[in-house]
mmCIF file of all heavy atoms, coordinates in Angstrom:
data_MODEL
# 
_entry.id   MODEL 
# 
loop_
_atom_site.group_PDB 
_atom_site.id 
_atom_site.type_symbol 
_atom_site.label_atom_id 
_atom_site.label_alt_id 
_atom_site.label_comp_id 
_atom_site.label_asym_id 
_atom_site.label_entity_id 
_atom_site.label_seq_id 
_atom_site.pdbx_PDB_ins_code 
_atom_site.Cartn_x 
_atom_site.Cartn_y 
_atom_site.Cartn_z 
_atom_site.occupancy 
_atom_site.B_iso_or_equiv 
_atom_site.pdbx_formal_charge 
_atom_site.auth_seq_id 
_atom_site.auth_comp_id 
_atom_site.auth_asym_id 
_atom_site.auth_atom_id 
_atom_site.pdbx_PDB_model_num 
ATOM 1   N N   . GLY A 1 1  ? 4.444  23.401 1.907   1.00 0.00 ? 1  GLY A N   1 
ATOM 2   C CA  . GLY A 1 1  ? 5.421  23.354 2.970   1.00 0.00 ? 1  GLY A CA  1 
ATOM 3   C C   . GLY A 1 1  ? 4.954  22.684 4.241   1.00 0.00 ? 1  GLY A C   1 
ATOM 4   O O   . GLY A 1 1  ? 5.763  22.475 5.155   1.00 0.00 ? 1  GLY A O   1 
ATOM 5   N N   . GLN A 1 2  ? 3.682  22.298 4.358   1.00 0.00 ? 2  GLN A N   1 
ATOM 6   C CA  . GLN A 1 2  ? 3.169  21.663 5.562   1.00 0.00 ? 2  GLN A CA  1 
ATOM 7   C C   . GLN A 1 2  ? 3.086  20.148 5.372   1.00 0.00 ? 2  GLN A C   1 
ATOM 8   O O   . GLN A 1 2  ? 2.619  19.681 4.334   1.00 0.00 ? 2  GLN A O   1 
ATOM 9   C CB  . GLN A 1 2  ? 1.786  22.216 5.930   1.00 0.00 ? 2  GLN A CB  1 
ATOM 10  C CG  . GLN A 1 2  ? 1.806  23.678 6.355   1.00 0.00 ? 2  GLN A CG  1 
ATOM 11  C CD  . GLN A 1 2  ? 0.452  24.151 6.854   1.00 0.00 ? 2  GLN A CD  1 
ATOM 12  O OE1 . GLN A 1 2  ? -0.569 23.526 6.609   1.00 0.00 ? 2  GLN A OE1 1 
ATOM 13  N NE2 . GLN A 1 2  ? 0.436  25.246 7.608   1.00 0.00 ? 2  GLN A NE2 1 
ATOM 14  N N   . ASP A 1 3  ? 3.512  19.414 6.409   1.00 0.00 ? 3  ASP A N   1 
ATOM 15  C CA  . ASP A 1 3  ? 3.486  17.952 6.340   1.00 0.00 ? 3  ASP A CA  1 
ATOM 16  C C   . ASP A 1 3  ? 2.053  17.446 6.337   1.00 0.00 ? 3  ASP A C   1 
ATOM 17  O O   . ASP A 1 3  ? 1.279  17.712 7.242   1.00 0.00 ? 3  ASP A O   1 
ATOM 18  C CB  . ASP A 1 3  ? 4.254  17.378 7.547   1.00 0.00 ? 3  ASP A CB  1 
ATOM 19  C CG  . ASP A 1 3  ? 4.470  15.870 7.435   1.00 0.00 ? 3  ASP A CG  1 
ATOM 20  O OD1 . ASP A 1 3  ? 3.852  15.245 6.548   1.00 0.00 ? 3  ASP A OD1 1 
ATOM 21  O OD2 . ASP A 1 3  ? 5.248  15.332 8.228   1.00 0.00 ? 3  ASP A OD2 1 
ATOM 22  N N   . GLN A 1 4  ? 1.681  16.718 5.283   1.00 0.00 ? 4  GLN A N   1 
ATOM 23  C CA  . GLN A 1 4  ? 0.347  16.173 5.114   1.00 0.00 ? 4  GLN A CA  1 
ATOM 24  C C   . GLN A 1 4  ? 0.363  14.660 4.958   1.00 0.00 ? 4  GLN A C   1 
ATOM 25  O O   . GLN A 1 4  ? -0.622 14.073 4.540   1.00 0.00 ? 4  GLN A O   1 
ATOM 26  C CB  . GLN A 1 4  ? -0.328 16.801 3.889   1.00 0.00 ? 4  GLN A CB  1 
ATOM 27  C CG  . GLN A 1 4  ? -0.477 18.295 3.937   1.00 0.00 ? 4  GLN A CG  1 
ATOM 28  C CD  . GLN A 1 4  ? -1.600 18.735 4.877   1.00 0.00 ? 4  GLN A CD  1 
ATOM 29  O OE1 . GLN A 1 4  ? -2.318 17.896 5.466   1.00 0.00 ? 4  GLN A OE1 1 
ATOM 30  N NE2 . GLN A 1 4  ? -1.755 20.026 5.075   1.00 0.00 ? 4  GLN A NE2 1 
ATOM 31  N N   . THR A 1 5  ? 1.469  14.025 5.320   1.00 0.00 ? 5  THR A N   1 
ATOM 32  C CA  . THR A 1 5  ? 1.600  12.583 5.085   1.00 0.00 ? 5  THR A CA  1 
ATOM 33  C C   . THR A 1 5  ? 0.456  11.794 5.708   1.00 0.00 ? 5  THR A C   1 
ATOM 34  O O   . THR A 1 5  ? -0.151 10.936 5.062   1.00 0.00 ? 5  THR A O   1 
ATOM 35  C CB  . THR A 1 5  ? 2.939  12.079 5.626   1.00 0.00 ? 5  THR A CB  1 
ATOM 36  O OG1 . THR A 1 5  ? 4.000  12.908 5.124   1.00 0.00 ? 5  THR A OG1 1 
ATOM 37  C CG2 . THR A 1 5  ? 3.182  10.622 5.198   1.00 0.00 ? 5  THR A CG2 1 
ATOM 38  N N   . VAL A 1 6  ? 0.165  12.060 6.961   1.00 0.00 ? 6  VAL A N   1 
ATOM 39  C CA  . VAL A 1 6  ? -0.905 11.361 7.666   1.00 0.00 ? 6  VAL A CA  1 
ATOM 40  C C   . VAL A 1 6  ? -2.269 11.800 7.157   1.00 0.00 ? 6  VAL A C   1 
ATOM 41  O O   . VAL A 1 6  ? -3.159 10.979 6.897   1.00 0.00 ? 6  VAL A O   1 
ATOM 42  C CB  . VAL A 1 6  ? -0.793 11.576 9.191   1.00 0.00 ? 6  VAL A CB  1 
ATOM 43  C CG1 . VAL A 1 6  ? -1.970 10.920 9.900   1.00 0.00 ? 6  VAL A CG1 1 
ATOM 44  C CG2 . VAL A 1 6  ? 0.517  11.009 9.708   1.00 0.00 ? 6  VAL A CG2 1 
ATOM 45  N N   . ASN A 1 7  ? -2.451 13.113 6.997   1.00 0.00 ? 7  ASN A N   1 
ATOM 46  C CA  . ASN A 1 7  ? -3.720 13.640 6.560   1.00 0.00 ? 7  ASN A CA  1 
ATOM 47  C C   . ASN A 1 7  ? -4.093 13.137 5.176   1.00 0.00 ? 7  ASN A C   1 
ATOM 48  O O   . ASN A 1 7  ? -5.271 12.961 4.844   1.00 0.00 ? 7  ASN A O   1 
ATOM 49  C CB  . ASN A 1 7  ? -3.681 15.168 6.557   1.00 0.00 ? 7  ASN A CB  1 
ATOM 50  C CG  . ASN A 1 7  ? -5.055 15.797 6.378   1.00 0.00 ? 7  ASN A CG  1 
ATOM 51  O OD1 . ASN A 1 7  ? -6.053 15.293 6.889   1.00 0.00 ? 7  ASN A OD1 1 
ATOM 52  N ND2 . ASN A 1 7  ? -5.111 16.893 5.642   1.00 0.00 ? 7  ASN A ND2 1 
ATOM 53  N N   . PHE A 1 8  ? -3.097 12.912 4.335   1.00 0.00 ? 8  PHE A N   1 
ATOM 54  C CA  . PHE A 1 8  ? -3.328 12.418 2.979   1.00 0.00 ? 8  PHE A CA  1 
ATOM 55  C C   . PHE A 1 8  ? -3.262 10.892 2.889   1.00 0.00 ? 8  PHE A C   1 
ATOM 56  O O   . PHE A 1 8  ? -3.196 10.336 1.809   1.00 0.00 ? 8  PHE A O   1 
ATOM 57  C CB  . PHE A 1 8  ? -2.321 13.033 2.017   1.00 0.00 ? 8  PHE A CB  1 
ATOM 58  C CG  . PHE A 1 8  ? -2.541 14.483 1.720   1.00 0.00 ? 8  PHE A CG  1 
ATOM 59  C CD1 . PHE A 1 8  ? -3.583 15.180 2.299   1.00 0.00 ? 8  PHE A CD1 1 
ATOM 60  C CD2 . PHE A 1 8  ? -1.701 15.171 0.847   1.00 0.00 ? 8  PHE A CD2 1 
ATOM 61  C CE1 . PHE A 1 8  ? -3.786 16.539 2.038   1.00 0.00 ? 8  PHE A CE1 1 
ATOM 62  C CE2 . PHE A 1 8  ? -1.905 16.504 0.558   1.00 0.00 ? 8  PHE A CE2 1 
ATOM 63  C CZ  . PHE A 1 8  ? -2.950 17.201 1.165   1.00 0.00 ? 8  PHE A CZ  1 
ATOM 64  N N   . LEU A 1 9  ? -3.301 10.219 4.027   1.00 0.00 ? 9  LEU A N   1 
ATOM 65  C CA  . LEU A 1 9  ? -3.351 8.752  4.068   1.00 0.00 ? 9  LEU A CA  1 
ATOM 66  C C   . LEU A 1 9  ? -2.143 8.104  3.412   1.00 0.00 ? 9  LEU A C   1 
ATOM 67  O O   . LEU A 1 9  ? -2.248 7.044  2.776   1.00 0.00 ? 9  LEU A O   1 
ATOM 68  C CB  . LEU A 1 9  ? -4.640 8.227  3.424   1.00 0.00 ? 9  LEU A CB  1 
ATOM 69  C CG  . LEU A 1 9  ? -5.966 8.867  3.879   1.00 0.00 ? 9  LEU A CG  1 
ATOM 70  C CD1 . LEU A 1 9  ? -7.125 8.284  3.099   1.00 0.00 ? 9  LEU A CD1 1 
ATOM 71  C CD2 . LEU A 1 9  ? -6.166 8.683  5.375   1.00 0.00 ? 9  LEU A CD2 1 
ATOM 72  N N   . GLY A 1 10 ? -0.978 8.744  3.511   1.00 0.00 ? 10 GLY A N   1 
ATOM 73  C CA  . GLY A 1 10 ? 0.235  8.229  2.901   1.00 0.00 ? 10 GLY A CA  1 
ATOM 74  C C   . GLY A 1 10 ? 0.632  6.873  3.460   1.00 0.00 ? 10 GLY A C   1 
ATOM 75  O O   . GLY A 1 10 ? 0.708  6.693  4.679   1.00 0.00 ? 10 GLY A O   1 
ATOM 76  N N   . GLN A 1 11 ? 0.907  5.934  2.603   1.00 0.00 ? 11 GLN A N   1 
ATOM 77  C CA  . GLN A 1 11 ? 1.216  4.562  3.037   1.00 0.00 ? 11 GLN A CA  1 
ATOM 78  C C   . GLN A 1 11 ? 2.003  3.853  1.947   1.00 0.00 ? 11 GLN A C   1 
ATOM 79  O O   . GLN A 1 11 ? 1.665  3.924  0.768   1.00 0.00 ? 11 GLN A O   1 
ATOM 80  C CB  . GLN A 1 11 ? -0.081 3.794  3.322   1.00 0.00 ? 11 GLN A CB  1 
ATOM 81  C CG  . GLN A 1 11 ? 0.128  2.414  3.898   1.00 0.00 ? 11 GLN A CG  1 
ATOM 82  C CD  . GLN A 1 11 ? -1.188 1.732  4.202   1.00 0.00 ? 11 GLN A CD  1 
ATOM 83  O OE1 . GLN A 1 11 ? -2.254 2.243  3.886   1.00 0.00 ? 11 GLN A OE1 1 
ATOM 84  N NE2 . GLN A 1 11 ? -1.132 0.569  4.817   1.00 0.00 ? 11 GLN A NE2 1 
ATOM 85  N N   . GLU A 1 12 ? 3.108  3.190  2.381   1.00 0.00 ? 12 GLU A N   1 
ATOM 86  C CA  . GLU A 1 12 ? 3.884  2.412  1.418   1.00 0.00 ? 12 GLU A CA  1 
ATOM 87  C C   . GLU A 1 12 ? 3.168  1.091  1.128   1.00 0.00 ? 12 GLU A C   1 
ATOM 88  O O   . GLU A 1 12 ? 2.702  0.402  2.040   1.00 0.00 ? 12 GLU A O   1 
ATOM 89  C CB  . GLU A 1 12 ? 5.291  2.141  1.931   1.00 0.00 ? 12 GLU A CB  1 
ATOM 90  C CG  . GLU A 1 12 ? 6.185  1.459  0.906   1.00 0.00 ? 12 GLU A CG  1 
ATOM 91  C CD  . GLU A 1 12 ? 7.645  1.382  1.328   1.00 0.00 ? 12 GLU A CD  1 
ATOM 92  O OE1 . GLU A 1 12 ? 8.176  2.380  1.860   1.00 0.00 ? 12 GLU A OE1 1 
ATOM 93  O OE2 . GLU A 1 12 ? 8.251  0.306  1.115   1.00 0.00 ? 12 GLU A OE2 1 
ATOM 94  N N   . LYS A 1 13 ? 3.134  0.715  -0.171  1.00 0.00 ? 13 LYS A N   1 
ATOM 95  C CA  . LYS A 1 13 ? 2.447  -0.501 -0.589  1.00 0.00 ? 13 LYS A CA  1 
ATOM 96  C C   . LYS A 1 13 ? 3.296  -1.275 -1.591  1.00 0.00 ? 13 LYS A C   1 
ATOM 97  O O   . LYS A 1 13 ? 4.203  -0.695 -2.196  1.00 0.00 ? 13 LYS A O   1 
ATOM 98  C CB  . LYS A 1 13 ? 1.079  -0.163 -1.209  1.00 0.00 ? 13 LYS A CB  1 
ATOM 99  C CG  . LYS A 1 13 ? 0.113  0.489  -0.236  1.00 0.00 ? 13 LYS A CG  1 
ATOM 100 C CD  . LYS A 1 13 ? -1.255 0.708  -0.888  1.00 0.00 ? 13 LYS A CD  1 
ATOM 101 C CE  . LYS A 1 13 ? -2.248 1.279  0.108   1.00 0.00 ? 13 LYS A CE  1 
ATOM 102 N NZ  . LYS A 1 13 ? -3.595 1.475  -0.493  1.00 0.00 ? 13 LYS A NZ  1 
ATOM 103 N N   . ASP A 1 14 ? 2.990  -2.557 -1.721  1.00 0.00 ? 14 ASP A N   1 
ATOM 104 C CA  . ASP A 1 14 ? 3.749  -3.389 -2.661  1.00 0.00 ? 14 ASP A CA  1 
ATOM 105 C C   . ASP A 1 14 ? 2.997  -3.623 -3.984  1.00 0.00 ? 14 ASP A C   1 
ATOM 106 O O   . ASP A 1 14 ? 3.433  -4.388 -4.821  1.00 0.00 ? 14 ASP A O   1 
ATOM 107 C CB  . ASP A 1 14 ? 4.130  -4.717 -2.038  1.00 0.00 ? 14 ASP A CB  1 
ATOM 108 C CG  . ASP A 1 14 ? 2.927  -5.520 -1.555  1.00 0.00 ? 14 ASP A CG  1 
ATOM 109 O OD1 . ASP A 1 14 ? 1.788  -5.095 -1.845  1.00 0.00 ? 14 ASP A OD1 1 
ATOM 110 O OD2 . ASP A 1 14 ? 3.131  -6.542 -0.893  1.00 0.00 ? 14 ASP A OD2 1 
ATOM 111 N N   . LYS A 1 15 ? 1.838  -2.941 -4.121  1.00 0.00 ? 15 LYS A N   1 
ATOM 112 C CA  . LYS A 1 15 ? 1.108  -3.000 -5.379  1.00 0.00 ? 15 LYS A CA  1 
ATOM 113 C C   . LYS A 1 15 ? 0.524  -1.628 -5.672  1.00 0.00 ? 15 LYS A C   1 
ATOM 114 O O   . LYS A 1 15 ? 0.116  -0.901 -4.773  1.00 0.00 ? 15 LYS A O   1 
ATOM 115 C CB  . LYS A 1 15 ? -0.028 -4.033 -5.329  1.00 0.00 ? 15 LYS A CB  1 
ATOM 116 C CG  . LYS A 1 15 ? 0.407  -5.474 -5.464  1.00 0.00 ? 15 LYS A CG  1 
ATOM 117 C CD  . LYS A 1 15 ? -0.803 -6.400 -5.550  1.00 0.00 ? 15 LYS A CD  1 
ATOM 118 C CE  . LYS A 1 15 ? -0.363 -7.852 -5.701  1.00 0.00 ? 15 LYS A CE  1 
ATOM 119 N NZ  . LYS A 1 15 ? -1.543 -8.744 -5.785  1.00 0.00 ? 15 LYS A NZ  1 
ATOM 120 N N   . SER A 1 16 ? 0.468  -1.301 -6.966  1.00 0.00 ? 16 SER A N   1 
ATOM 121 C CA  . SER A 1 16 ? -0.115 -0.014 -7.358  1.00 0.00 ? 16 SER A CA  1 
ATOM 122 C C   . SER A 1 16 ? -1.643 -0.129 -7.381  1.00 0.00 ? 16 SER A C   1 
ATOM 123 O O   . SER A 1 16 ? -2.213 -1.213 -7.190  1.00 0.00 ? 16 SER A O   1 
ATOM 124 C CB  . SER A 1 16 ? 0.371  0.384  -8.745  1.00 0.00 ? 16 SER A CB  1 
ATOM 125 O OG  . SER A 1 16 ? -0.197 -0.469 -9.734  1.00 0.00 ? 16 SER A OG  1 
ATOM 126 N N   . MET A 1 17 ? -2.302 0.991  -7.612  1.00 0.00 ? 17 MET A N   1 
ATOM 127 C CA  . MET A 1 17 ? -3.759 1.001  -7.724  1.00 0.00 ? 17 MET A CA  1 
ATOM 128 C C   . MET A 1 17 ? -4.222 0.091  -8.886  1.00 0.00 ? 17 MET A C   1 
ATOM 129 O O   . MET A 1 17 ? -5.321 -0.439 -8.842  1.00 0.00 ? 17 MET A O   1 
ATOM 130 C CB  . MET A 1 17 ? -4.269 2.423  -7.961  1.00 0.00 ? 17 MET A CB  1 
ATOM 131 C CG  . MET A 1 17 ? -4.150 3.332  -6.778  1.00 0.00 ? 17 MET A CG  1 
ATOM 132 S SD  . MET A 1 17 ? -4.767 4.998  -7.140  1.00 0.00 ? 17 MET A SD  1 
ATOM 133 C CE  . MET A 1 17 ? -3.407 5.676  -8.111  1.00 0.00 ? 17 MET A CE  1 
ATOM 134 N N   . MET A 1 18 ? -3.368 -0.091 -9.870  1.00 0.00 ? 18 MET A N   1 
ATOM 135 C CA  . MET A 1 18 ? -3.701 -0.913 -11.028 1.00 0.00 ? 18 MET A CA  1 
ATOM 136 C C   . MET A 1 18 ? -3.315 -2.369 -10.809 1.00 0.00 ? 18 MET A C   1 
ATOM 137 O O   . MET A 1 18 ? -3.455 -3.205 -11.703 1.00 0.00 ? 18 MET A O   1 
ATOM 138 C CB  . MET A 1 18 ? -3.003 -0.383 -12.273 1.00 0.00 ? 18 MET A CB  1 
ATOM 139 C CG  . MET A 1 18 ? -3.305 1.080  -12.575 1.00 0.00 ? 18 MET A CG  1 
ATOM 140 S SD  . MET A 1 18 ? -5.080 1.407  -12.727 1.00 0.00 ? 18 MET A SD  1 
ATOM 141 C CE  . MET A 1 18 ? -5.461 0.531  -14.221 1.00 0.00 ? 18 MET A CE  1 
ATOM 142 N N   . GLY A 1 19 ? -2.794 -2.688 -9.600  1.00 0.00 ? 19 GLY A N   1 
ATOM 143 C CA  . GLY A 1 19 ? -2.459 -4.073 -9.281  1.00 0.00 ? 19 GLY A CA  1 
ATOM 144 C C   . GLY A 1 19 ? -1.077 -4.510 -9.706  1.00 0.00 ? 19 GLY A C   1 
ATOM 145 O O   . GLY A 1 19 ? -0.764 -5.708 -9.647  1.00 0.00 ? 19 GLY A O   1 
ATOM 146 N N   . VAL A 1 20 ? -0.231 -3.553 -10.152 1.00 0.00 ? 20 VAL A N   1 
ATOM 147 C CA  . VAL A 1 20 ? 1.131  -3.887 -10.571 1.00 0.00 ? 20 VAL A CA  1 
ATOM 148 C C   . VAL A 1 20 ? 2.045  -3.972 -9.359  1.00 0.00 ? 20 VAL A C   1 
ATOM 149 O O   . VAL A 1 20 ? 2.041  -3.064 -8.515  1.00 0.00 ? 20 VAL A O   1 
ATOM 150 C CB  . VAL A 1 20 ? 1.651  -2.826 -11.558 1.00 0.00 ? 20 VAL A CB  1 
ATOM 151 C CG1 . VAL A 1 20 ? 3.093  -3.173 -11.983 1.00 0.00 ? 20 VAL A CG1 1 
ATOM 152 C CG2 . VAL A 1 20 ? 0.744  -2.720 -12.766 1.00 0.00 ? 20 VAL A CG2 1 
ATOM 153 N N   . GLU A 1 21 ? 2.783  -5.063 -9.242  1.00 0.00 ? 21 GLU A N   1 
ATOM 154 C CA  . GLU A 1 21 ? 3.677  -5.241 -8.102  1.00 0.00 ? 21 GLU A CA  1 
ATOM 155 C C   . GLU A 1 21 ? 4.877  -4.297 -8.215  1.00 0.00 ? 21 GLU A C   1 
ATOM 156 O O   . GLU A 1 21 ? 5.377  -4.000 -9.297  1.00 0.00 ? 21 GLU A O   1 
ATOM 157 C CB  . GLU A 1 21 ? 4.158  -6.694 -8.021  1.00 0.00 ? 21 GLU A CB  1 
ATOM 158 C CG  . GLU A 1 21 ? 3.056  -7.674 -7.673  1.00 0.00 ? 21 GLU A CG  1 
ATOM 159 C CD  . GLU A 1 21 ? 3.559  -9.080 -7.442  1.00 0.00 ? 21 GLU A CD  1 
ATOM 160 O OE1 . GLU A 1 21 ? 4.781  -9.287 -7.650  1.00 0.00 ? 21 GLU A OE1 1 
ATOM 161 O OE2 . GLU A 1 21 ? 2.750  -9.949 -7.078  1.00 0.00 ? 21 GLU A OE2 1 
ATOM 162 N N   . GLY A 1 22 ? 5.334  -3.865 -7.042  1.00 0.00 ? 22 GLY A N   1 
ATOM 163 C CA  . GLY A 1 22 ? 6.469  -2.950 -6.990  1.00 0.00 ? 22 GLY A CA  1 
ATOM 164 C C   . GLY A 1 22 ? 6.527  -2.305 -5.624  1.00 0.00 ? 22 GLY A C   1 
ATOM 165 O O   . GLY A 1 22 ? 5.928  -2.805 -4.654  1.00 0.00 ? 22 GLY A O   1 
ATOM 166 N N   . ARG A 1 23 ? 7.218  -1.195 -5.539  1.00 0.00 ? 23 ARG A N   1 
ATOM 167 C CA  . ARG A 1 23 ? 7.323  -0.462 -4.276  1.00 0.00 ? 23 ARG A CA  1 
ATOM 168 C C   . ARG A 1 23 ? 6.770  0.941  -4.507  1.00 0.00 ? 23 ARG A C   1 
ATOM 169 O O   . ARG A 1 23 ? 7.285  1.694  -5.334  1.00 0.00 ? 23 ARG A O   1 
ATOM 170 C CB  . ARG A 1 23 ? 8.764  -0.395 -3.815  1.00 0.00 ? 23 ARG A CB  1 
ATOM 171 C CG  . ARG A 1 23 ? 8.921  0.062  -2.362  1.00 0.00 ? 23 ARG A CG  1 
ATOM 172 C CD  . ARG A 1 23 ? 10.358 -0.094 -1.899  1.00 0.00 ? 23 ARG A CD  1 
ATOM 173 N NE  . ARG A 1 23 ? 10.505 0.256  -0.506  1.00 0.00 ? 23 ARG A NE  1 
ATOM 174 C CZ  . ARG A 1 23 ? 11.676 0.225  0.149   1.00 0.00 ? 23 ARG A CZ  1 
ATOM 175 N NH1 . ARG A 1 23 ? 12.784 -0.135 -0.498  1.00 0.00 ? 23 ARG A NH1 1 
ATOM 176 N NH2 . ARG A 1 23 ? 11.719 0.519  1.423   1.00 0.00 ? 23 ARG A NH2 1 
ATOM 177 N N   . TYR A 1 24 ? 5.698  1.265  -3.768  1.00 0.00 ? 24 TYR A N   1 
ATOM 178 C CA  . TYR A 1 24 ? 4.988  2.514  -4.030  1.00 0.00 ? 24 TYR A CA  1 
ATOM 179 C C   . TYR A 1 24 ? 4.673  3.250  -2.728  1.00 0.00 ? 24 TYR A C   1 
ATOM 180 O O   . TYR A 1 24 ? 4.473  2.638  -1.684  1.00 0.00 ? 24 TYR A O   1 
ATOM 181 C CB  . TYR A 1 24 ? 3.656  2.242  -4.726  1.00 0.00 ? 24 TYR A CB  1 
ATOM 182 C CG  . TYR A 1 24 ? 3.756  1.546  -6.046  1.00 0.00 ? 24 TYR A CG  1 
ATOM 183 C CD1 . TYR A 1 24 ? 3.777  0.146  -6.114  1.00 0.00 ? 24 TYR A CD1 1 
ATOM 184 C CD2 . TYR A 1 24 ? 3.786  2.264  -7.233  1.00 0.00 ? 24 TYR A CD2 1 
ATOM 185 C CE1 . TYR A 1 24 ? 3.846  -0.495 -7.343  1.00 0.00 ? 24 TYR A CE1 1 
ATOM 186 C CE2 . TYR A 1 24 ? 3.850  1.606  -8.464  1.00 0.00 ? 24 TYR A CE2 1 
ATOM 187 C CZ  . TYR A 1 24 ? 3.882  0.235  -8.508  1.00 0.00 ? 24 TYR A CZ  1 
ATOM 188 O OH  . TYR A 1 24 ? 3.953  -0.410 -9.716  1.00 0.00 ? 24 TYR A OH  1 
ATOM 189 N N   . LEU A 1 25 ? 4.613  4.557  -2.842  1.00 0.00 ? 25 LEU A N   1 
ATOM 190 C CA  . LEU A 1 25 ? 3.952  5.368  -1.840  1.00 0.00 ? 25 LEU A CA  1 
ATOM 191 C C   . LEU A 1 25 ? 2.590  5.746  -2.417  1.00 0.00 ? 25 LEU A C   1 
ATOM 192 O O   . LEU A 1 25 ? 2.529  6.346  -3.504  1.00 0.00 ? 25 LEU A O   1 
ATOM 193 C CB  . LEU A 1 25 ? 4.722  6.626  -1.502  1.00 0.00 ? 25 LEU A CB  1 
ATOM 194 C CG  . LEU A 1 25 ? 3.963  7.580  -0.558  1.00 0.00 ? 25 LEU A CG  1 
ATOM 195 C CD1 . LEU A 1 25 ? 3.858  7.000  0.843   1.00 0.00 ? 25 LEU A CD1 1 
ATOM 196 C CD2 . LEU A 1 25 ? 4.559  8.973  -0.531  1.00 0.00 ? 25 LEU A CD2 1 
ATOM 197 N N   . ASN A 1 26 ? 1.537  5.375  -1.745  1.00 0.00 ? 26 ASN A N   1 
ATOM 198 C CA  . ASN A 1 26 ? 0.180  5.726  -2.181  1.00 0.00 ? 26 ASN A CA  1 
ATOM 199 C C   . ASN A 1 26 ? -0.352 6.789  -1.237  1.00 0.00 ? 26 ASN A C   1 
ATOM 200 O O   . ASN A 1 26 ? -0.257 6.659  -0.024  1.00 0.00 ? 26 ASN A O   1 
ATOM 201 C CB  . ASN A 1 26 ? -0.733 4.499  -2.164  1.00 0.00 ? 26 ASN A CB  1 
ATOM 202 C CG  . ASN A 1 26 ? -2.164 4.853  -2.492  1.00 0.00 ? 26 ASN A CG  1 
ATOM 203 O OD1 . ASN A 1 26 ? -2.973 5.095  -1.595  1.00 0.00 ? 26 ASN A OD1 1 
ATOM 204 N ND2 . ASN A 1 26 ? -2.502 4.872  -3.775  1.00 0.00 ? 26 ASN A ND2 1 
# 
């Protein structure tokens, strides 16, 4: 229930960890 977006380094990216293009929240 507690917001951890910043603490967990949440960031939208256009590639996955595996290098696949798309729209992701990492």
